[in-house]
N, C-alpha and C. Protein backbone atom coordinates (compact mmCIF):
# COMPACT_ATOMS: atom_id res chain seq x y z
N UNK A 1 17.01 -39.92 -14.92
CA UNK A 1 15.70 -40.37 -14.04
C UNK A 1 15.20 -39.19 -13.13
N UNK A 2 14.48 -38.56 -12.89
CA UNK A 2 13.88 -37.63 -12.29
C UNK A 2 13.77 -38.26 -10.94
N UNK A 3 14.07 -37.26 -9.82
CA UNK A 3 14.14 -37.81 -8.32
C UNK A 3 12.68 -37.24 -7.71
N UNK A 4 12.35 -37.30 -6.79
CA UNK A 4 10.89 -36.87 -6.34
C UNK A 4 10.85 -35.53 -6.28
N UNK A 5 12.33 -34.64 -5.83
CA UNK A 5 11.56 -33.08 -5.84
C UNK A 5 11.55 -32.79 -7.45
N UNK A 6 12.13 -33.08 -8.09
CA UNK A 6 11.90 -32.31 -9.80
C UNK A 6 10.43 -32.84 -9.97
N UNK A 7 9.87 -34.10 -9.77
CA UNK A 7 8.62 -34.22 -9.82
C UNK A 7 7.64 -33.08 -9.51
N UNK A 8 7.83 -33.18 -7.91
CA UNK A 8 7.07 -32.32 -6.77
C UNK A 8 7.20 -30.94 -7.63
N UNK A 9 8.37 -30.37 -8.09
CA UNK A 9 8.70 -28.95 -8.54
C UNK A 9 7.91 -28.99 -9.94
N UNK A 10 7.61 -29.93 -10.48
CA UNK A 10 7.09 -30.07 -12.12
C UNK A 10 5.34 -29.73 -11.85
N UNK A 11 4.96 -30.42 -10.57
CA UNK A 11 3.68 -30.49 -10.42
C UNK A 11 3.06 -29.15 -9.83
N UNK A 12 4.37 -28.55 -9.37
CA UNK A 12 3.90 -27.32 -8.70
C UNK A 12 3.63 -25.97 -9.41
N UNK A 13 4.59 -26.20 -10.64
CA UNK A 13 4.78 -25.74 -11.64
C UNK A 13 3.68 -25.23 -12.59
N UNK A 14 2.67 -27.00 -12.42
CA UNK A 14 1.67 -26.93 -13.28
C UNK A 14 0.60 -26.40 -12.70
N UNK A 15 0.58 -26.31 -11.20
CA UNK A 15 -0.71 -26.12 -10.65
C UNK A 15 -0.82 -24.67 -10.35
N UNK A 16 0.51 -24.14 -10.40
CA UNK A 16 0.61 -22.61 -10.61
C UNK A 16 -0.02 -21.96 -11.86
N UNK A 17 0.29 -22.52 -13.09
CA UNK A 17 -0.14 -22.27 -14.24
C UNK A 17 -1.21 -22.34 -14.39
N UNK A 18 -1.62 -23.74 -13.90
CA UNK A 18 -3.52 -23.76 -13.95
C UNK A 18 -4.18 -22.70 -13.23
N UNK A 19 -3.83 -22.04 -12.20
CA UNK A 19 -4.47 -21.31 -11.56
C UNK A 19 -4.29 -19.81 -12.21
N UNK A 20 -3.34 -19.43 -12.32
CA UNK A 20 -3.10 -18.23 -13.08
C UNK A 20 -3.64 -18.05 -14.54
N UNK A 21 -3.97 -19.26 -15.18
CA UNK A 21 -5.05 -19.42 -16.36
C UNK A 21 -6.41 -19.29 -16.10
N UNK A 22 -6.62 -19.59 -14.74
CA UNK A 22 -8.35 -19.92 -14.12
C UNK A 22 -8.54 -18.87 -13.39
N UNK A 23 -7.65 -17.87 -12.86
CA UNK A 23 -8.08 -16.86 -12.11
C UNK A 23 -9.23 -15.90 -12.37
N UNK A 24 -10.08 -15.52 -11.90
CA UNK A 24 -10.65 -14.45 -12.35
C UNK A 24 -10.24 -13.09 -12.82
N UNK A 25 -10.50 -12.43 -13.73
CA UNK A 25 -10.28 -11.41 -14.32
C UNK A 25 -10.06 -9.96 -13.50
N UNK A 26 -9.70 -9.31 -13.19
CA UNK A 26 -9.71 -8.00 -12.33
C UNK A 26 -10.72 -7.21 -12.33
N UNK A 27 -11.45 -7.16 -11.47
CA UNK A 27 -12.64 -6.41 -11.70
C UNK A 27 -12.79 -4.74 -11.66
N UNK A 28 -12.50 -4.19 -12.74
CA UNK A 28 -12.33 -2.37 -13.08
C UNK A 28 -13.76 -1.89 -13.06
N UNK A 29 -13.63 -0.76 -11.85
CA UNK A 29 -14.95 -0.43 -11.85
C UNK A 29 -14.77 1.36 -12.10
N UNK A 30 -15.32 2.10 -12.76
CA UNK A 30 -15.25 3.22 -13.12
C UNK A 30 -16.03 4.02 -12.54
N UNK A 31 -15.21 4.72 -11.67
CA UNK A 31 -15.60 5.79 -10.32
C UNK A 31 -16.01 7.09 -10.92
N UNK A 32 -17.50 7.32 -10.53
CA UNK A 32 -18.07 8.84 -11.21
C UNK A 32 -17.38 9.79 -10.99
N UNK A 33 -17.08 10.82 -11.59
CA UNK A 33 -16.53 11.72 -10.96
C UNK A 33 -17.32 13.07 -10.67
N UNK A 34 -18.92 12.97 -11.31
CA UNK A 34 -19.56 14.26 -11.08
C UNK A 34 -20.73 13.42 -10.24
N UNK A 35 -21.66 14.10 -9.70
CA UNK A 35 -22.61 13.40 -9.10
C UNK A 35 -23.80 13.38 -9.64
N UNK A 36 -24.35 11.92 -9.71
CA UNK A 36 -25.31 11.29 -10.45
C UNK A 36 -26.76 12.42 -10.01
N UNK A 37 -26.79 13.10 -9.42
CA UNK A 37 -28.12 13.96 -9.13
C UNK A 37 -28.07 15.61 -9.48
N UNK A 38 -26.74 15.86 -8.85
CA UNK A 38 -26.61 17.29 -8.85
C UNK A 38 -26.18 17.71 -10.16
N UNK A 39 -24.87 16.93 -10.65
CA UNK A 39 -23.92 17.26 -11.39
C UNK A 39 -22.45 17.76 -11.34
N UNK A 40 -22.49 18.03 -9.84
CA UNK A 40 -21.18 18.87 -9.19
C UNK A 40 -20.32 18.19 -8.96
N UNK A 41 -19.02 18.18 -9.08
CA UNK A 41 -17.78 17.62 -8.80
C UNK A 41 -18.02 16.58 -7.53
N UNK A 42 -17.64 15.03 -7.63
CA UNK A 42 -17.76 14.66 -5.92
C UNK A 42 -16.27 14.67 -5.57
N UNK A 43 -16.60 14.88 -4.24
CA UNK A 43 -15.52 15.26 -3.51
C UNK A 43 -14.09 14.22 -3.58
N UNK A 44 -12.98 14.66 -4.14
CA UNK A 44 -11.85 13.55 -4.37
C UNK A 44 -12.00 12.59 -2.86
N UNK A 45 -11.92 13.04 -1.71
CA UNK A 45 -11.95 12.37 -0.82
C UNK A 45 -12.43 11.04 -0.44
N UNK A 46 -14.06 11.53 -0.84
CA UNK A 46 -15.53 10.40 -0.85
C UNK A 46 -14.90 9.71 -2.01
N UNK A 47 -14.71 10.05 -3.48
CA UNK A 47 -14.73 9.18 -4.14
C UNK A 47 -13.62 7.92 -3.59
N UNK A 48 -12.61 8.40 -2.55
CA UNK A 48 -11.44 7.42 -2.47
C UNK A 48 -11.94 6.70 -1.38
N UNK A 49 -13.01 7.39 -0.56
CA UNK A 49 -13.30 6.07 0.73
C UNK A 49 -14.51 5.53 0.81
N UNK A 50 -15.56 6.00 -0.44
CA UNK A 50 -16.83 4.94 -0.86
C UNK A 50 -16.54 4.64 -2.25
N UNK A 51 -15.94 3.67 -2.27
CA UNK A 51 -15.81 3.08 -3.62
C UNK A 51 -17.39 2.92 -4.39
N UNK A 52 -17.33 3.19 -5.52
CA UNK A 52 -18.34 3.26 -6.48
C UNK A 52 -19.47 4.39 -6.01
N UNK A 53 -19.49 5.04 -5.38
CA UNK A 53 -20.23 6.46 -4.95
C UNK A 53 -20.80 7.19 -6.19
N UNK A 54 -22.08 7.55 -6.04
CA UNK A 54 -22.33 8.18 -7.24
C UNK A 54 -22.96 9.60 -7.12
N UNK A 55 -23.21 10.00 -5.74
CA UNK A 55 -23.58 10.93 -5.20
C UNK A 55 -22.33 11.84 -4.32
N UNK A 56 -22.33 13.15 -4.31
CA UNK A 56 -21.69 14.07 -3.49
C UNK A 56 -22.09 14.10 -2.20
N UNK A 57 -21.40 14.46 -1.21
CA UNK A 57 -21.42 14.57 0.12
C UNK A 57 -22.84 15.15 0.53
N UNK A 58 -23.29 16.54 -0.33
CA UNK A 58 -24.59 17.17 0.14
C UNK A 58 -25.73 16.15 -0.51
N UNK A 59 -25.57 15.99 -1.90
CA UNK A 59 -26.47 14.90 -1.83
C UNK A 59 -26.79 13.54 -1.21
N UNK A 60 -25.81 12.90 -0.62
CA UNK A 60 -25.77 11.99 -0.21
C UNK A 60 -26.88 12.17 1.18
N UNK A 61 -26.40 13.24 1.85
CA UNK A 61 -26.75 13.89 3.03
C UNK A 61 -28.40 13.84 3.09
N UNK A 62 -28.60 14.32 1.94
CA UNK A 62 -30.01 14.44 1.44
C UNK A 62 -30.88 13.20 1.33
N UNK A 63 -30.08 12.08 0.36
CA UNK A 63 -31.23 11.26 0.56
C UNK A 63 -31.06 10.41 1.87
N UNK A 64 -30.37 10.45 2.51
CA UNK A 64 -29.80 9.68 3.97
C UNK A 64 -31.01 10.56 4.87
N UNK A 65 -31.32 11.71 5.01
CA UNK A 65 -32.37 12.58 5.63
C UNK A 65 -33.52 12.00 5.04
N UNK A 66 -33.77 12.15 3.87
CA UNK A 66 -35.01 11.37 3.22
C UNK A 66 -35.32 10.34 3.78
N UNK A 67 -34.49 9.23 3.77
CA UNK A 67 -34.90 8.28 3.35
C UNK A 67 -35.48 7.71 5.23
N UNK A 68 -34.52 8.38 6.25
CA UNK A 68 -34.76 8.40 7.61
C UNK A 68 -36.42 8.96 7.92
N UNK A 69 -36.78 9.95 7.10
CA UNK A 69 -37.98 10.91 7.68
C UNK A 69 -39.04 9.74 6.78
N UNK A 70 -38.86 9.32 5.22
CA UNK A 70 -39.79 8.31 4.90
C UNK A 70 -39.72 6.94 5.34
N UNK A 71 -38.84 6.44 6.18
CA UNK A 71 -38.85 4.90 6.63
C UNK A 71 -38.97 5.29 8.16
N UNK A 72 -39.21 6.46 8.65
CA UNK A 72 -39.36 6.71 10.03
C UNK A 72 -38.18 6.51 11.33
N UNK A 73 -37.33 6.45 10.83
CA UNK A 73 -36.09 5.94 11.51
C UNK A 73 -35.48 7.24 12.02
């Protein structure tokens, strides 16, 4: 005869098993090593700080400046 603690432990184990089975798979992102614009290597520190960046600092600055000019900001 099981007591309340055994029943509670069994329910908790089942809940954990369900949660693990239903959890979303980890998203694996590929970080580009070379700039999508100029083809030069993206600085390692920039890749670490800005996840998913596709441009080196120089190209990113160019695009930011151009967008400010085009958008009038």
